[in-house]
Protein backbone atom coordinates (compact mmCIF):
# COMPACT_ATOMS: atom_id res chain seq x y z
CA MET A 1 -157.83 -69.57 216.30
CA ILE A 2 -160.35 -72.09 215.28
CA ILE A 3 -163.55 -72.52 217.71
CA LYS A 4 -166.21 -75.35 217.96
CA VAL A 5 -169.72 -74.12 219.41
CA GLU A 6 -172.24 -76.93 220.26
CA ALA A 7 -175.40 -76.03 221.32
CA ILE A 8 -178.04 -78.60 222.84
CA VAL A 9 -181.51 -77.44 222.10
CA ARG A 10 -185.12 -78.31 222.50
CA GLU A 11 -186.58 -80.30 219.47
CA ASP A 12 -189.12 -77.87 218.54
CA LYS A 13 -186.22 -75.04 217.85
CA LEU A 14 -184.67 -76.99 215.22
CA ASP A 15 -185.64 -74.95 212.32
CA ASP A 16 -185.64 -71.96 214.38
CA VAL A 17 -181.91 -72.27 215.11
CA ILE A 18 -181.09 -73.50 211.50
CA ALA A 19 -183.04 -70.11 210.18
CA ALA A 20 -180.82 -67.94 212.75
CA LEU A 21 -177.58 -69.36 211.43
CA THR A 22 -178.44 -68.87 207.88
CA GLU A 23 -179.52 -65.50 208.37
CA ILE A 24 -175.87 -64.71 209.88
CA GLU A 25 -174.13 -67.16 207.03
CA VAL A 26 -173.07 -69.53 209.13
CA ASN A 27 -172.94 -72.71 206.45
CA GLY A 28 -171.08 -75.41 208.01
CA ILE A 29 -173.28 -76.99 210.75
CA SER A 30 -173.40 -80.58 212.10
CA VAL A 31 -177.03 -81.61 213.62
CA SER A 32 -177.78 -84.94 215.72
CA GLN A 33 -180.79 -86.48 217.56
CA VAL A 34 -179.33 -86.58 220.96
CA MET A 35 -181.27 -87.57 224.35
CA GLY A 36 -180.34 -86.36 227.91
CA HIS A 37 -181.81 -84.32 230.69
CA GLY A 38 -180.42 -81.43 233.04
CA VAL A 39 -182.30 -79.70 235.52
CA GLN A 40 -185.76 -80.70 234.37
CA LYS A 41 -185.01 -84.59 234.86
CA GLY A 42 -186.72 -86.26 232.08
CA TYR A 43 -191.44 -86.57 232.47
CA THR A 44 -193.73 -88.66 233.59
CA GLU A 45 -196.17 -90.09 230.84
CA LEU A 46 -198.98 -92.42 230.82
CA VAL A 47 -198.72 -95.50 228.77
CA ARG A 48 -201.50 -98.14 228.96
CA GLY A 49 -202.65 -96.83 231.99
CA GLN A 50 -199.49 -97.17 233.65
CA GLU A 51 -197.32 -93.95 235.02
CA VAL A 52 -193.85 -94.36 233.35
CA ILE A 53 -191.02 -92.02 234.23
CA VAL A 54 -188.64 -91.03 230.95
CA ASN A 55 -185.63 -89.95 232.42
CA LEU A 56 -184.10 -88.68 228.98
CA VAL A 57 -185.63 -85.76 226.87
CA PRO A 58 -184.93 -85.51 223.11
CA LYS A 59 -183.24 -82.86 222.29
CA ILE A 60 -181.08 -81.39 219.16
CA LYS A 61 -177.33 -80.98 219.20
CA PHE A 62 -175.66 -78.61 216.83
CA GLU A 63 -172.26 -78.63 216.04
CA ILE A 64 -170.58 -75.56 214.36
CA VAL A 65 -167.01 -74.56 213.53
CA VAL A 66 -166.02 -71.09 213.33
CA SER A 67 -162.95 -69.19 212.47
CA SER A 68 -162.82 -66.30 215.02
CA GLU A 69 -163.58 -65.26 218.16
CA GLU A 70 -165.92 -62.56 216.33
CA TRP A 71 -167.66 -65.41 214.57
CA GLU A 72 -168.32 -67.59 217.86
CA LYS A 73 -169.74 -64.63 219.49
CA LYS A 74 -172.43 -64.17 216.29
CA THR A 75 -173.05 -67.86 216.27
CA ILE A 76 -173.75 -68.23 220.40
CA GLU A 77 -175.81 -64.98 220.29
CA ALA A 78 -178.03 -66.27 217.22
CA ILE A 79 -178.37 -69.57 218.57
CA GLN A 80 -179.61 -68.25 222.19
CA LYS A 81 -182.00 -65.97 220.70
CA ALA A 82 -183.44 -68.70 218.44
CA ALA A 83 -183.40 -71.24 221.03
CA PHE A 84 -184.87 -69.35 223.83
CA THR A 85 -188.22 -70.04 225.48
CA GLY A 86 -187.51 -68.93 228.89
CA ASP A 87 -188.43 -72.45 230.60
CA VAL A 88 -186.26 -75.19 231.90
CA GLY A 89 -184.88 -77.01 229.48
CA ASP A 90 -183.99 -74.54 226.76
CA GLY A 91 -180.63 -76.19 226.29
CA LYS A 92 -176.91 -75.23 226.55
CA ILE A 93 -174.06 -73.80 224.30
CA PHE A 94 -170.48 -74.63 224.74
CA SER A 95 -167.44 -73.50 223.27
CA TYR A 96 -164.02 -74.15 222.94
CA ASP A 97 -160.56 -74.01 220.80
CA ILE A 98 -159.75 -76.54 217.89
CA ARG A 99 -156.29 -77.63 217.95
CA CYS A 100 -156.71 -78.85 214.26
CA VAL A 101 -158.85 -79.57 211.33
CA MET A 102 -158.30 -81.22 208.15
CA ARG A 103 -160.33 -81.24 204.95
CA ILE A 104 -160.09 -85.21 204.21
CA ARG A 105 -160.44 -84.83 200.40
CA THR A 106 -157.63 -82.00 199.88
CA ARG A 107 -155.69 -82.42 203.22
CA GLU A 108 -155.82 -78.35 203.58
CA LYS A 109 -155.33 -77.75 207.17
CA ASP A 110 -157.22 -75.41 209.70
CA TYR A 111 -158.49 -72.16 208.56
CA ASP A 112 -158.22 -73.30 204.76
CA ALA A 113 -160.37 -76.40 205.88
CA ILE A 114 -163.12 -74.96 206.95
CA ASN A 115 -163.64 -72.10 204.42
């Protein structure tokens, strides 16, 4: 079974999450800067004396593909521990099954493509 774990976390937790994943030897990750909001609905900022509502908050998105449910659990636990502050806006972690993986260069498929 191949599983994709996606996590959306606070920008300031980027280095902590990368360190946690490196510590458990998760090597293949993709990282993107994204914008969004959940319960916190953004924030208000003062710009040139005017109050401006910022609806989208900058976040970091991690995408990790793992080879088993054991690795899924280890990856999720590492991210949750590293990204946790206890405040609204800590983020979310999603996981779901991958139907197919192919390494473009070699045409290796599924498990062979991710190792």
